[in-house]
Amino acid sequence: PRSTLFPYTTLFRSPSIGYRLFNGRSQRGSEAALAQAPAFDPTRAIVLARDFAPDVDDLLAEGMLIVGIKGAGKTTVLARVIEQVSRFPIPLVVFDIKGDLASVSGKMNNACGGVKGNMPSGREILQDRLQVIVSLRSWSSMEERAIAMIKLIDELTTTAQQIAPEERTPCPIFLDEAQHFLPQRATDASMTAATAARLLNAFSEVGTMGRWLGLVPFYGTQRIAETDKTVISQTGYQILMRVTSHADKAMYKHYVDDRRFPLDGFATFGRGEGVVLTAEGQFKTTFMNRETRHIGNTPTVAQAERAPTACLPEEVKTEDEPAVPVSPAEPSLLERAYEAWQGGAQSGRKLAAALDIGESAGNQVMHKLAATGWITLPSKR
């Protein structure tokens, strides 16, 4: 029997962005027709712009990638997607690194928070259809955050496999700032190489085999050129917003018709403007604002003028309670490389041996240490 809430749709109705990347641009349909063809049932529409309101099932079958530099409106669009999707009684997980998405819980159907030491399990999320915002900031290092995500995704996958196919519900997984967690170059990950590989594998499986289990990825990233191409290729909807770097615009060239959308034009996009890529076509639109408050805005002078002094919570001192020891954060790859360099591993080959990585990666880490000013490479004679 089919689910009455989410009847089956044609999940693989079109070439994915990965197919188009390697096989050339596909023939597009009429963008005008697309703009006039939102979800058949308005109550099931995910309204993101005046001319872009896909059916909830189509969106949850395909996943989404949103690209844009700081100030482009990327997180605002991601927040609106979460607001729209969470009104349905389905489980979902939001991995929130900056706190920008915390206020979305006010619009959720069955909101639940997740922090270090108090996390719902994957079984509880799927069984009780919890809509969870995981505060990644509650973990002290990128290594700990990655391990927490790996554990939860593994629990979700294992639990979903135990549910009869006709009883499964969609469970979208949202990750903002994906370039930090799923970088194109493993050496750019601020975590151990082994953990970075496990995290990438977890999200890659969500993008492939996870779909038939109901697990679908939604990514936000500031740097498409620095985000792993495997996960990029696994999303069916893409939103390309303002970027300014040459590398990111070069990546856009693989996805958009640059005769209609010149690459240099993306640097001039205003906040909330973006090109939408779907199976039916490509079109530019202006996205609606989120309904919940964006609490992660960059501090401004206007804020200082409104509040002459900073309001801080009162310090609470408890003399009776013993101090709880805090485990030190696990050092990043660069920090470990610097320690190894100070210990005598002063070449790419020696760094590779000390860090248990390939020699090429060792050379990259060495040059990154030099670029950050931590070390000075001997001049070549």
Protein backbone atom coordinates (compact mmCIF):
# COMPACT_ATOMS: atom_id res chain seq x y z
CA PRO A 1 0.00 0.00 0.00
CA ARG A 2 1.16 3.51 -0.78
CA SER A 3 1.55 6.20 1.84
CA THR A 4 -1.50 8.48 1.76
CA LEU A 5 0.61 11.43 2.90
CA PHE A 6 3.45 10.99 0.45
CA PRO A 7 2.33 8.94 -2.57
CA TYR A 8 5.14 7.74 -4.78
CA THR A 9 6.42 10.04 -7.51
CA THR A 10 8.82 9.43 -10.34
CA LEU A 11 12.04 9.63 -8.34
CA PHE A 12 14.52 9.44 -11.21
CA ARG A 13 12.65 11.40 -13.81
CA SER A 14 15.67 13.28 -15.15
CA PRO A 15 19.45 13.35 -15.42
CA SER A 16 21.07 14.55 -12.21
CA ILE A 17 23.57 17.40 -12.16
CA GLY A 18 26.33 14.80 -12.09
CA TYR A 19 25.06 13.26 -15.33
CA ARG A 20 24.90 16.66 -16.97
CA LEU A 21 28.41 17.50 -15.76
CA PHE A 22 29.97 14.48 -17.43
CA ASN A 23 27.68 14.16 -20.44
CA GLY A 24 27.05 17.75 -21.41
CA ARG A 25 24.07 20.00 -20.95
CA SER A 26 20.75 18.33 -21.59
CA GLN A 27 18.02 19.86 -23.70
CA ARG A 28 15.88 22.09 -21.52
CA GLY A 29 12.17 22.58 -21.55
CA SER A 30 10.38 25.89 -21.38
CA GLU A 31 11.26 27.94 -18.32
CA ALA A 32 8.01 29.81 -18.74
CA ALA A 33 6.09 26.55 -18.49
CA LEU A 34 8.11 25.62 -15.43
CA ALA A 35 7.30 28.90 -13.72
CA GLN A 36 3.60 28.28 -14.29
CA ALA A 37 3.69 24.66 -13.15
CA PRO A 38 4.08 24.51 -9.36
CA ALA A 39 2.91 21.58 -7.24
CA PHE A 40 -0.44 20.22 -8.43
CA ASP A 41 -1.79 20.46 -4.86
CA PRO A 42 -1.06 23.92 -3.38
CA THR A 43 -1.10 22.48 0.14
CA ARG A 44 1.90 20.33 -0.80
CA ALA A 45 3.90 23.12 -2.42
CA ILE A 46 7.28 24.17 -1.03
CA VAL A 47 7.02 27.87 -1.79
CA LEU A 48 10.52 29.31 -2.22
CA ALA A 49 9.88 32.08 -4.78
CA ARG A 50 6.95 33.48 -6.73
CA ASP A 51 7.90 31.28 -9.68
CA PHE A 52 9.42 28.33 -7.82
CA ALA A 53 7.18 26.12 -5.66
CA PRO A 54 8.06 22.43 -6.19
CA ASP A 55 5.95 19.60 -4.85
CA VAL A 56 7.18 18.40 -1.47
CA ASP A 57 7.63 14.82 -2.72
CA ASP A 58 9.65 15.95 -5.75
CA LEU A 59 11.93 17.99 -3.53
CA LEU A 60 12.34 15.22 -0.94
CA ALA A 61 13.13 12.72 -3.67
CA GLU A 62 15.86 14.85 -5.22
CA GLY A 63 17.62 16.83 -2.49
CA MET A 64 19.13 20.27 -3.00
CA LEU A 65 22.40 22.16 -3.22
CA ILE A 66 22.49 25.91 -2.43
CA VAL A 67 25.66 27.87 -3.25
CA GLY A 68 26.45 31.45 -2.33
CA ILE A 69 29.07 33.51 -0.54
CA LYS A 70 28.40 35.29 2.73
CA GLY A 71 25.62 37.82 2.26
CA ALA A 72 24.18 36.16 -0.84
CA GLY A 73 21.22 34.74 1.07
CA LYS A 74 22.23 31.07 0.99
CA THR A 75 21.36 30.32 4.61
CA THR A 76 18.12 32.28 4.28
CA VAL A 77 17.03 30.03 1.40
CA LEU A 78 18.08 26.91 3.32
CA ALA A 79 16.11 28.12 6.35
CA ARG A 80 13.02 28.71 4.20
CA VAL A 81 13.28 25.19 2.77
CA ILE A 82 13.41 23.81 6.33
CA GLU A 83 10.46 25.98 7.41
CA GLN A 84 8.37 24.80 4.48
CA VAL A 85 9.28 21.11 4.77
CA SER A 86 8.94 20.92 8.56
CA ARG A 87 5.23 21.75 8.48
CA PHE A 88 4.67 18.17 7.29
CA PRO A 89 4.71 15.39 9.92
CA ILE A 90 8.02 13.90 8.84
CA PRO A 91 11.32 13.50 10.71
CA LEU A 92 14.27 15.66 9.71
CA VAL A 93 17.75 16.56 10.91
CA VAL A 94 19.43 19.97 10.68
CA PHE A 95 23.17 20.12 11.40
CA ASP A 96 23.61 23.75 12.50
CA ILE A 97 27.20 24.97 12.93
CA LYS A 98 26.69 28.73 13.44
CA GLY A 99 23.32 28.92 15.18
CA ASP A 100 21.75 30.58 12.12
CA LEU A 101 19.09 27.89 11.88
CA ALA A 102 18.14 27.53 15.55
CA SER A 103 15.11 29.84 15.32
CA VAL A 104 13.55 27.61 12.64
CA SER A 105 12.42 25.33 15.49
CA GLY A 106 9.58 27.81 16.08
CA LYS A 107 7.98 26.71 12.80
CA MET A 108 8.55 23.00 13.23
CA ASN A 109 5.79 20.43 13.57
CA ASN A 110 7.65 18.36 16.19
CA ALA A 111 10.76 20.30 17.20
CA CYS A 112 13.57 18.78 19.22
CA GLY A 113 17.06 20.02 20.06
CA GLY A 114 20.29 18.04 19.97
CA VAL A 115 23.47 18.97 21.83
CA LYS A 116 26.53 17.15 23.08
CA GLY A 117 25.50 14.79 25.84
CA ASN A 118 21.80 15.05 25.03
CA MET A 119 21.14 13.78 21.53
CA PRO A 120 18.12 11.84 20.30
CA SER A 121 19.09 8.60 18.60
CA GLY A 122 18.41 7.84 14.96
CA ARG A 123 15.79 5.32 16.08
CA GLU A 124 13.99 7.94 18.20
CA ILE A 125 14.05 10.47 15.35
CA LEU A 126 12.45 8.08 12.83
CA GLN A 127 10.11 6.39 15.31
CA ASP A 128 8.76 9.60 16.85
CA ARG A 129 9.18 11.70 13.69
CA LEU A 130 11.30 14.23 15.52
CA GLN A 131 12.46 17.36 13.73
CA VAL A 132 15.88 17.90 15.23
CA ILE A 133 18.22 20.88 15.13
CA VAL A 134 21.66 19.64 16.14
CA SER A 135 23.81 22.41 17.61
CA LEU A 136 27.23 21.43 16.33
CA ARG A 137 28.77 24.27 18.35
CA SER A 138 28.14 22.26 21.52
CA TRP A 139 31.05 20.02 20.50
CA SER A 140 34.46 21.60 21.01
CA SER A 141 36.24 20.54 17.82
CA MET A 142 35.56 19.67 14.20
CA GLU A 143 36.70 16.13 14.94
CA GLU A 144 34.02 15.71 17.62
CA ARG A 145 31.36 17.30 15.43
CA ALA A 146 32.18 14.99 12.55
CA ILE A 147 32.06 11.90 14.76
CA ALA A 148 28.67 12.97 16.14
CA MET A 149 27.29 13.37 12.59
CA ILE A 150 28.72 10.02 11.50
CA LYS A 151 27.12 8.29 14.48
CA LEU A 152 23.69 9.82 13.91
CA ILE A 153 23.67 9.14 10.15
CA ASP A 154 24.69 5.54 10.83
CA GLU A 155 21.82 5.17 13.34
CA LEU A 156 19.34 6.67 10.87
CA THR A 157 20.51 4.34 8.10
CA THR A 158 20.43 1.24 10.30
CA THR A 159 16.97 2.07 11.64
CA ALA A 160 15.50 2.91 8.23
CA GLN A 161 16.67 -0.46 6.90
CA GLN A 162 14.63 -2.15 9.62
CA ILE A 163 11.41 -0.37 8.62
CA ALA A 164 9.18 -1.98 6.01
CA PRO A 165 9.41 -0.05 2.69
CA GLU A 166 5.70 0.83 2.72
CA GLU A 167 6.04 2.34 6.22
CA ARG A 168 9.11 4.53 5.63
CA THR A 169 8.79 8.30 5.63
CA PRO A 170 11.14 10.87 4.12
CA CYS A 171 13.83 12.18 6.46
CA PRO A 172 15.79 15.06 4.88
CA ILE A 173 19.22 15.84 6.31
CA PHE A 174 20.38 19.47 6.14
CA LEU A 175 24.02 20.59 6.36
CA ASP A 176 25.07 24.23 6.02
CA GLU A 177 28.67 25.33 5.43
CA ALA A 178 29.36 21.99 3.75
CA GLN A 179 32.75 23.18 2.48
CA HIS A 180 34.12 22.85 6.03
CA PHE A 181 32.87 19.31 6.58
CA LEU A 182 33.00 17.83 3.07
CA PRO A 183 35.95 19.56 1.37
CA GLN A 184 37.15 18.65 -2.10
CA ARG A 185 40.70 18.23 -0.76
CA ALA A 186 40.99 15.99 2.29
CA THR A 187 43.89 18.08 3.58
CA ASP A 188 41.52 21.04 3.99
CA ALA A 189 39.42 19.20 6.58
CA SER A 190 40.05 20.36 10.15
CA MET A 191 39.88 16.80 11.40
CA THR A 192 41.88 13.60 11.08
CA ALA A 193 42.09 12.11 7.61
CA ALA A 194 40.33 8.95 8.78
CA THR A 195 37.38 10.87 10.25
CA ALA A 196 37.12 13.09 7.16
CA ALA A 197 36.91 9.99 4.97
CA ARG A 198 34.23 8.43 7.20
CA LEU A 199 32.15 11.61 7.19
CA LEU A 200 32.36 11.93 3.41
CA ASN A 201 31.39 8.29 3.03
CA ALA A 202 28.39 8.75 5.37
CA PHE A 203 26.99 11.67 3.36
CA SER A 204 27.82 9.98 0.04
CA GLU A 205 25.76 6.97 1.09
CA VAL A 206 22.89 9.27 2.07
CA GLY A 207 23.03 10.69 -1.45
CA THR A 208 22.95 7.27 -3.12
CA MET A 209 21.53 4.30 -1.23
CA GLY A 210 19.98 6.57 1.40
CA ARG A 211 17.32 7.74 -1.01
CA TRP A 212 15.42 4.47 -1.08
CA LEU A 213 15.47 4.61 2.71
CA GLY A 214 13.99 8.12 2.70
CA LEU A 215 17.26 9.86 3.68
CA VAL A 216 17.97 12.77 1.32
CA PRO A 217 20.71 15.43 1.57
CA PHE A 218 20.29 19.21 1.45
CA TYR A 219 23.54 21.20 1.39
CA GLY A 220 24.49 24.82 1.72
CA THR A 221 28.02 25.90 0.82
CA GLN A 222 29.87 29.16 0.32
CA ARG A 223 32.50 27.63 -1.94
CA ILE A 224 31.38 25.16 -4.59
CA ALA A 225 34.98 24.75 -5.77
CA GLU A 226 36.02 23.64 -2.29
CA THR A 227 33.12 21.23 -1.71
CA ASP A 228 33.45 17.56 -2.61
CA LYS A 229 32.17 16.95 -6.14
CA THR A 230 30.70 13.58 -5.20
CA VAL A 231 28.11 15.08 -2.85
CA ILE A 232 27.47 17.97 -5.25
CA SER A 233 26.54 15.51 -7.99
CA GLN A 234 23.98 13.74 -5.80
CA THR A 235 21.44 16.57 -5.60
CA GLY A 236 18.60 16.97 -8.06
CA TYR A 237 17.87 20.66 -7.43
CA GLN A 238 20.63 23.29 -7.47
CA ILE A 239 20.46 26.98 -6.58
CA LEU A 240 23.46 29.04 -7.65
CA MET A 241 23.69 32.44 -5.98
CA ARG A 242 26.36 35.14 -5.81
CA VAL A 243 30.00 34.06 -5.95
CA THR A 244 33.07 36.17 -6.63
CA SER A 245 36.09 33.86 -6.78
CA HIS A 246 37.43 32.72 -10.14
CA ALA A 247 37.45 29.08 -9.00
CA ASP A 248 33.76 29.13 -8.03
CA LYS A 249 32.70 30.86 -11.25
CA ALA A 250 34.70 28.29 -13.19
CA MET A 251 32.73 25.54 -11.44
CA TYR A 252 29.46 27.29 -12.32
CA LYS A 253 30.45 26.96 -15.97
CA HIS A 254 29.85 23.19 -15.71
CA TYR A 255 26.26 23.69 -14.59
CA VAL A 256 24.70 26.79 -16.14
CA ASP A 257 24.17 27.90 -19.71
CA ASP A 258 26.71 30.72 -19.65
CA ARG A 259 25.22 32.20 -22.81
CA ARG A 260 22.10 33.03 -20.82
CA PHE A 261 23.81 33.54 -17.47
CA PRO A 262 27.32 34.98 -18.01
CA LEU A 263 29.67 33.79 -15.28
CA ASP A 264 30.86 37.28 -14.34
CA GLY A 265 27.24 38.24 -13.79
CA PHE A 266 26.98 36.04 -10.70
CA ALA A 267 29.27 38.44 -8.83
CA THR A 268 26.65 41.19 -9.27
CA PHE A 269 23.67 39.18 -7.97
CA GLY A 270 21.81 40.87 -5.14
CA ARG A 271 20.88 39.24 -1.86
CA GLY A 272 18.34 36.48 -2.47
CA GLU A 273 18.92 36.27 -6.23
CA GLY A 274 19.94 32.98 -7.78
CA VAL A 275 19.70 30.68 -10.78
CA VAL A 276 17.61 27.56 -10.21
CA LEU A 277 18.59 24.36 -12.00
CA THR A 278 15.95 21.64 -12.33
CA ALA A 279 15.31 18.84 -14.78
CA GLU A 280 12.98 21.13 -16.73
CA GLY A 281 15.23 24.12 -17.14
CA GLN A 282 17.28 26.96 -15.71
CA PHE A 283 15.85 30.28 -14.63
CA LYS A 284 16.78 33.23 -12.46
CA THR A 285 14.57 34.20 -9.55
CA THR A 286 14.51 36.14 -6.30
CA PHE A 287 13.84 33.97 -3.27
CA MET A 288 11.40 34.83 -0.53
CA ASN A 289 12.72 35.68 2.90
CA ARG A 290 12.64 33.21 5.74
CA GLU A 291 9.75 33.49 8.20
CA THR A 292 11.85 32.99 11.31
CA ARG A 293 14.41 35.42 12.67
CA HIS A 294 17.97 35.14 11.41
CA ILE A 295 19.88 35.25 14.69
CA GLY A 296 23.34 34.71 13.20
CA ASN A 297 23.76 38.08 11.44
CA THR A 298 27.23 39.60 11.38
CA PRO A 299 27.54 42.35 14.07
CA THR A 300 27.13 45.89 12.72
CA VAL A 301 27.84 49.42 13.96
CA ALA A 302 24.06 50.04 14.02
CA GLN A 303 23.73 47.35 16.68
CA ALA A 304 26.34 49.12 18.80
CA GLU A 305 24.49 52.43 18.42
CA ARG A 306 21.25 50.82 19.60
CA ALA A 307 22.94 49.24 22.64
CA PRO A 308 25.74 51.39 24.16
CA THR A 309 26.88 48.54 26.40
CA ALA A 310 27.05 44.83 25.79
CA CYS A 311 24.45 42.82 27.69
CA LEU A 312 26.06 39.74 29.15
CA PRO A 313 24.43 37.13 31.39
CA GLU A 314 25.39 37.34 35.04
CA GLU A 315 28.16 35.03 36.10
CA VAL A 316 26.94 32.18 38.25
CA LYS A 317 29.47 31.06 40.84
CA THR A 318 28.90 27.82 42.66
CA GLU A 319 31.42 27.12 45.37
CA ASP A 320 29.89 23.81 46.44
CA GLU A 321 29.99 22.12 43.06
CA PRO A 322 33.33 20.62 42.01
CA ALA A 323 34.79 21.80 38.74
CA VAL A 324 34.12 19.46 35.84
CA PRO A 325 37.28 18.73 33.89
CA VAL A 326 37.02 19.64 30.21
CA SER A 327 38.68 17.33 27.74
CA PRO A 328 40.97 19.23 25.40
CA ALA A 329 39.83 19.50 21.80
CA GLU A 330 41.55 17.12 19.44
CA PRO A 331 44.15 19.03 17.41
CA SER A 332 43.43 19.74 13.77
CA LEU A 333 45.53 18.32 10.95
CA LEU A 334 47.48 21.60 10.65
CA GLU A 335 48.13 21.69 14.39
CA ARG A 336 49.40 18.12 14.34
CA ALA A 337 51.51 18.93 11.30
CA TYR A 338 53.04 21.92 13.09
CA GLU A 339 53.89 19.76 16.12
CA ALA A 340 55.47 17.16 13.83
CA TRP A 341 57.46 19.88 12.05
CA GLN A 342 58.72 21.21 15.36
CA GLY A 343 59.69 17.64 16.23
CA GLY A 344 61.93 17.35 13.20
CA ALA A 345 59.59 16.23 10.38
CA GLN A 346 60.70 19.14 8.22
CA SER A 347 59.86 17.93 4.73
CA GLY A 348 56.74 16.83 2.90
CA ARG A 349 57.88 13.20 2.99
CA LYS A 350 58.59 13.28 6.71
CA LEU A 351 55.31 15.03 7.46
CA ALA A 352 53.46 12.39 5.45
CA ALA A 353 55.07 9.64 7.52
CA ALA A 354 54.36 11.41 10.81
CA LEU A 355 50.71 12.09 9.96
CA ASP A 356 50.09 8.78 8.19
CA ILE A 357 49.03 10.45 4.93
CA GLY A 358 50.31 10.28 1.35
CA GLU A 359 53.48 12.11 0.34
CA SER A 360 51.54 14.43 -1.97
CA ALA A 361 49.22 15.34 0.90
CA GLY A 362 52.27 15.84 3.11
CA ASN A 363 53.66 18.39 0.65
CA GLN A 364 50.31 20.19 0.53
CA VAL A 365 50.16 20.40 4.33
CA MET A 366 53.74 21.70 4.45
CA HIS A 367 52.94 24.50 2.01
CA LYS A 368 49.74 25.31 3.88
CA LEU A 369 51.75 25.68 7.11
CA ALA A 370 54.05 28.06 5.28
CA ALA A 371 51.10 30.00 3.80
CA THR A 372 49.61 30.51 7.27
CA GLY A 373 52.96 31.78 8.56
CA TRP A 374 53.48 28.95 11.04
CA ILE A 375 56.73 27.85 9.41
CA THR A 376 59.30 29.24 7.02
CA LEU A 377 60.45 27.01 4.21
CA PRO A 378 64.14 27.10 3.33
CA SER A 379 64.81 29.04 0.16
CA LYS A 380 65.80 27.03 -2.90
CA ARG A 381 69.33 27.61 -4.11
